[in-house]
Amino acid sequence: MKEQRREWLLLAAMGWFQLGLGYYFFQRGLARVRAVEASLIALVEPVLNPIWVFLFLGELPSPRIIAGCALIAAALLATALSTNRKH
């Protein structure tokens, strides 16, 4: 019973701090950037996830994950280099 309580407390802490604070600060930042910039930041996260996992845990991403990350990165690069942006 004591172990189960500890697991619930750890789960709650992860929810509050890892996810909750991250989304809180992201939401606060949305008021200070343009919509395009906010969407680009949100799209960078799934590209960086496999990189962080590889660097810290040594887990190799599958070819599908690499292909998906490459597609997202190409789209982000194309958007960033687009000459049709309005300032």
C-alpha atoms as a PDB file:
ATOM      1  CA  MET A   1       0.000   0.000   0.000  1.00  0.00           C
ATOM      2  CA  LYS A   2       2.836   2.390   0.858  1.00  0.00           C
ATOM      3  CA  GLU A   3       4.535   1.689  -2.489  1.00  0.00           C
ATOM      4  CA  GLN A   4       1.296   2.368  -4.366  1.00  0.00           C
ATOM      5  CA  ARG A   5       0.901   5.708  -2.578  1.00  0.00           C
ATOM      6  CA  ARG A   6       4.469   6.650  -3.524  1.00  0.00           C
ATOM      7  CA  GLU A   7       3.787   5.801  -7.168  1.00  0.00           C
ATOM      8  CA  TRP A   8       0.656   7.965  -7.194  1.00  0.00           C
ATOM      9  CA  LEU A   9       2.582  10.861  -5.661  1.00  0.00           C
ATOM     10  CA  LEU A  10       5.335  10.521  -8.267  1.00  0.00           C
ATOM     11  CA  LEU A  11       2.742  10.386 -11.035  1.00  0.00           C
ATOM     12  CA  ALA A  12       1.056  13.517  -9.696  1.00  0.00           C
ATOM     13  CA  ALA A  13       4.401  15.310  -9.425  1.00  0.00           C
ATOM     14  CA  MET A  14       5.258  14.421 -13.025  1.00  0.00           C
ATOM     15  CA  GLY A  15       1.872  15.691 -14.163  1.00  0.00           C
ATOM     16  CA  TRP A  16       2.123  18.937 -12.260  1.00  0.00           C
ATOM     17  CA  PHE A  17       5.734  19.807 -12.825  1.00  0.00           C
ATOM     18  CA  GLN A  18       6.877  18.168 -16.031  1.00  0.00           C
ATOM     19  CA  LEU A  19       3.701  18.612 -18.049  1.00  0.00           C
ATOM     20  CA  GLY A  20       1.754  21.241 -16.148  1.00  0.00           C
ATOM     21  CA  LEU A  21       4.500  23.822 -15.792  1.00  0.00           C
ATOM     22  CA  GLY A  22       5.691  23.251 -19.344  1.00  0.00           C
ATOM     23  CA  TYR A  23       2.245  23.924 -20.766  1.00  0.00           C
ATOM     24  CA  TYR A  24       1.753  26.866 -18.398  1.00  0.00           C
ATOM     25  CA  PHE A  25       4.914  28.607 -19.606  1.00  0.00           C
ATOM     26  CA  PHE A  26       4.138  27.743 -23.232  1.00  0.00           C
ATOM     27  CA  GLN A  27       0.672  29.296 -22.852  1.00  0.00           C
ATOM     28  CA  ARG A  28       2.162  32.415 -21.267  1.00  0.00           C
ATOM     29  CA  GLY A  29       4.637  32.693 -24.120  1.00  0.00           C
ATOM     30  CA  LEU A  30       1.886  32.489 -26.738  1.00  0.00           C
ATOM     31  CA  ALA A  31       0.832  36.024 -25.839  1.00  0.00           C
ATOM     32  CA  ARG A  32       4.291  37.309 -26.760  1.00  0.00           C
ATOM     33  CA  VAL A  33       4.940  35.683 -30.135  1.00  0.00           C
ATOM     34  CA  ARG A  34       3.212  35.479 -33.482  1.00  0.00           C
ATOM     35  CA  ALA A  35       1.008  32.495 -34.249  1.00  0.00           C
ATOM     36  CA  VAL A  36       3.449  31.143 -36.833  1.00  0.00           C
ATOM     37  CA  GLU A  37       6.313  31.241 -34.356  1.00  0.00           C
ATOM     38  CA  ALA A  38       4.200  29.488 -31.712  1.00  0.00           C
ATOM     39  CA  SER A  39       3.237  26.704 -34.104  1.00  0.00           C
ATOM     40  CA  LEU A  40       6.863  26.263 -35.169  1.00  0.00           C
ATOM     41  CA  ILE A  41       7.939  25.927 -31.547  1.00  0.00           C
ATOM     42  CA  ALA A  42       5.221  23.336 -30.952  1.00  0.00           C
ATOM     43  CA  LEU A  43       6.385  21.373 -34.010  1.00  0.00           C
ATOM     44  CA  VAL A  44      10.036  21.347 -32.967  1.00  0.00           C
ATOM     45  CA  GLU A  45       9.231  19.348 -29.825  1.00  0.00           C
ATOM     46  CA  PRO A  46       8.450  16.014 -31.577  1.00  0.00           C
ATOM     47  CA  VAL A  47      11.650  16.384 -33.609  1.00  0.00           C
ATOM     48  CA  LEU A  48      13.770  16.914 -30.504  1.00  0.00           C
ATOM     49  CA  ASN A  49      12.170  14.107 -28.440  1.00  0.00           C
ATOM     50  CA  PRO A  50      13.935  11.213 -30.210  1.00  0.00           C
ATOM     51  CA  ILE A  51      17.199  13.154 -30.091  1.00  0.00           C
ATOM     52  CA  TRP A  52      16.948  13.663 -26.306  1.00  0.00           C
ATOM     53  CA  VAL A  53      16.020  10.005 -25.787  1.00  0.00           C
ATOM     54  CA  PHE A  54      19.007   8.901 -27.854  1.00  0.00           C
ATOM     55  CA  LEU A  55      21.422  11.245 -26.081  1.00  0.00           C
ATOM     56  CA  PHE A  56      20.286  10.455 -22.539  1.00  0.00           C
ATOM     57  CA  LEU A  57      19.101   6.837 -22.782  1.00  0.00           C
ATOM     58  CA  GLY A  58      20.920   5.525 -25.845  1.00  0.00           C
ATOM     59  CA  GLU A  59      17.691   4.286 -27.465  1.00  0.00           C
ATOM     60  CA  LEU A  60      17.949   4.333 -31.253  1.00  0.00           C
ATOM     61  CA  PRO A  61      14.886   5.689 -33.083  1.00  0.00           C
ATOM     62  CA  SER A  62      13.249   3.513 -35.716  1.00  0.00           C
ATOM     63  CA  PRO A  63      13.487   4.419 -39.421  1.00  0.00           C
ATOM     64  CA  ARG A  64       9.848   5.599 -39.337  1.00  0.00           C
ATOM     65  CA  ILE A  65      10.588   8.023 -36.513  1.00  0.00           C
ATOM     66  CA  ILE A  66      13.644   9.328 -38.342  1.00  0.00           C
ATOM     67  CA  ALA A  67      11.572   9.792 -41.516  1.00  0.00           C
ATOM     68  CA  GLY A  68       8.821  11.617 -39.612  1.00  0.00           C
ATOM     69  CA  CYS A  69      11.325  13.894 -37.901  1.00  0.00           C
ATOM     70  CA  ALA A  70      12.974  14.617 -41.238  1.00  0.00           C
ATOM     71  CA  LEU A  71       9.631  15.585 -42.777  1.00  0.00           C
ATOM     72  CA  ILE A  72       8.779  17.893 -39.878  1.00  0.00           C
ATOM     73  CA  ALA A  73      12.262  19.444 -39.940  1.00  0.00           C
ATOM     74  CA  ALA A  74      12.033  19.998 -43.717  1.00  0.00           C
ATOM     75  CA  ALA A  75       8.648  21.686 -43.350  1.00  0.00           C
ATOM     76  CA  LEU A  76       9.964  23.884 -40.535  1.00  0.00           C
ATOM     77  CA  LEU A  77      13.003  24.827 -42.576  1.00  0.00           C
ATOM     78  CA  ALA A  78      10.866  25.613 -45.632  1.00  0.00           C
ATOM     79  CA  THR A  79       8.585  27.788 -43.511  1.00  0.00           C
ATOM     80  CA  ALA A  80      11.497  29.596 -41.890  1.00  0.00           C
ATOM     81  CA  LEU A  81      13.148  30.286 -45.242  1.00  0.00           C
ATOM     82  CA  SER A  82       9.934  31.263 -46.983  1.00  0.00           C
ATOM     83  CA  THR A  83      10.155  34.667 -48.648  1.00  0.00           C
ATOM     84  CA  ASN A  84       6.392  35.183 -48.377  1.00  0.00           C
ATOM     85  CA  ARG A  85       6.515  35.933 -44.658  1.00  0.00           C
ATOM     86  CA  LYS A  86       4.981  39.179 -43.459  1.00  0.00           C
ATOM     87  CA  HIS A  87       6.732  41.074 -40.672  1.00  0.00           C
END
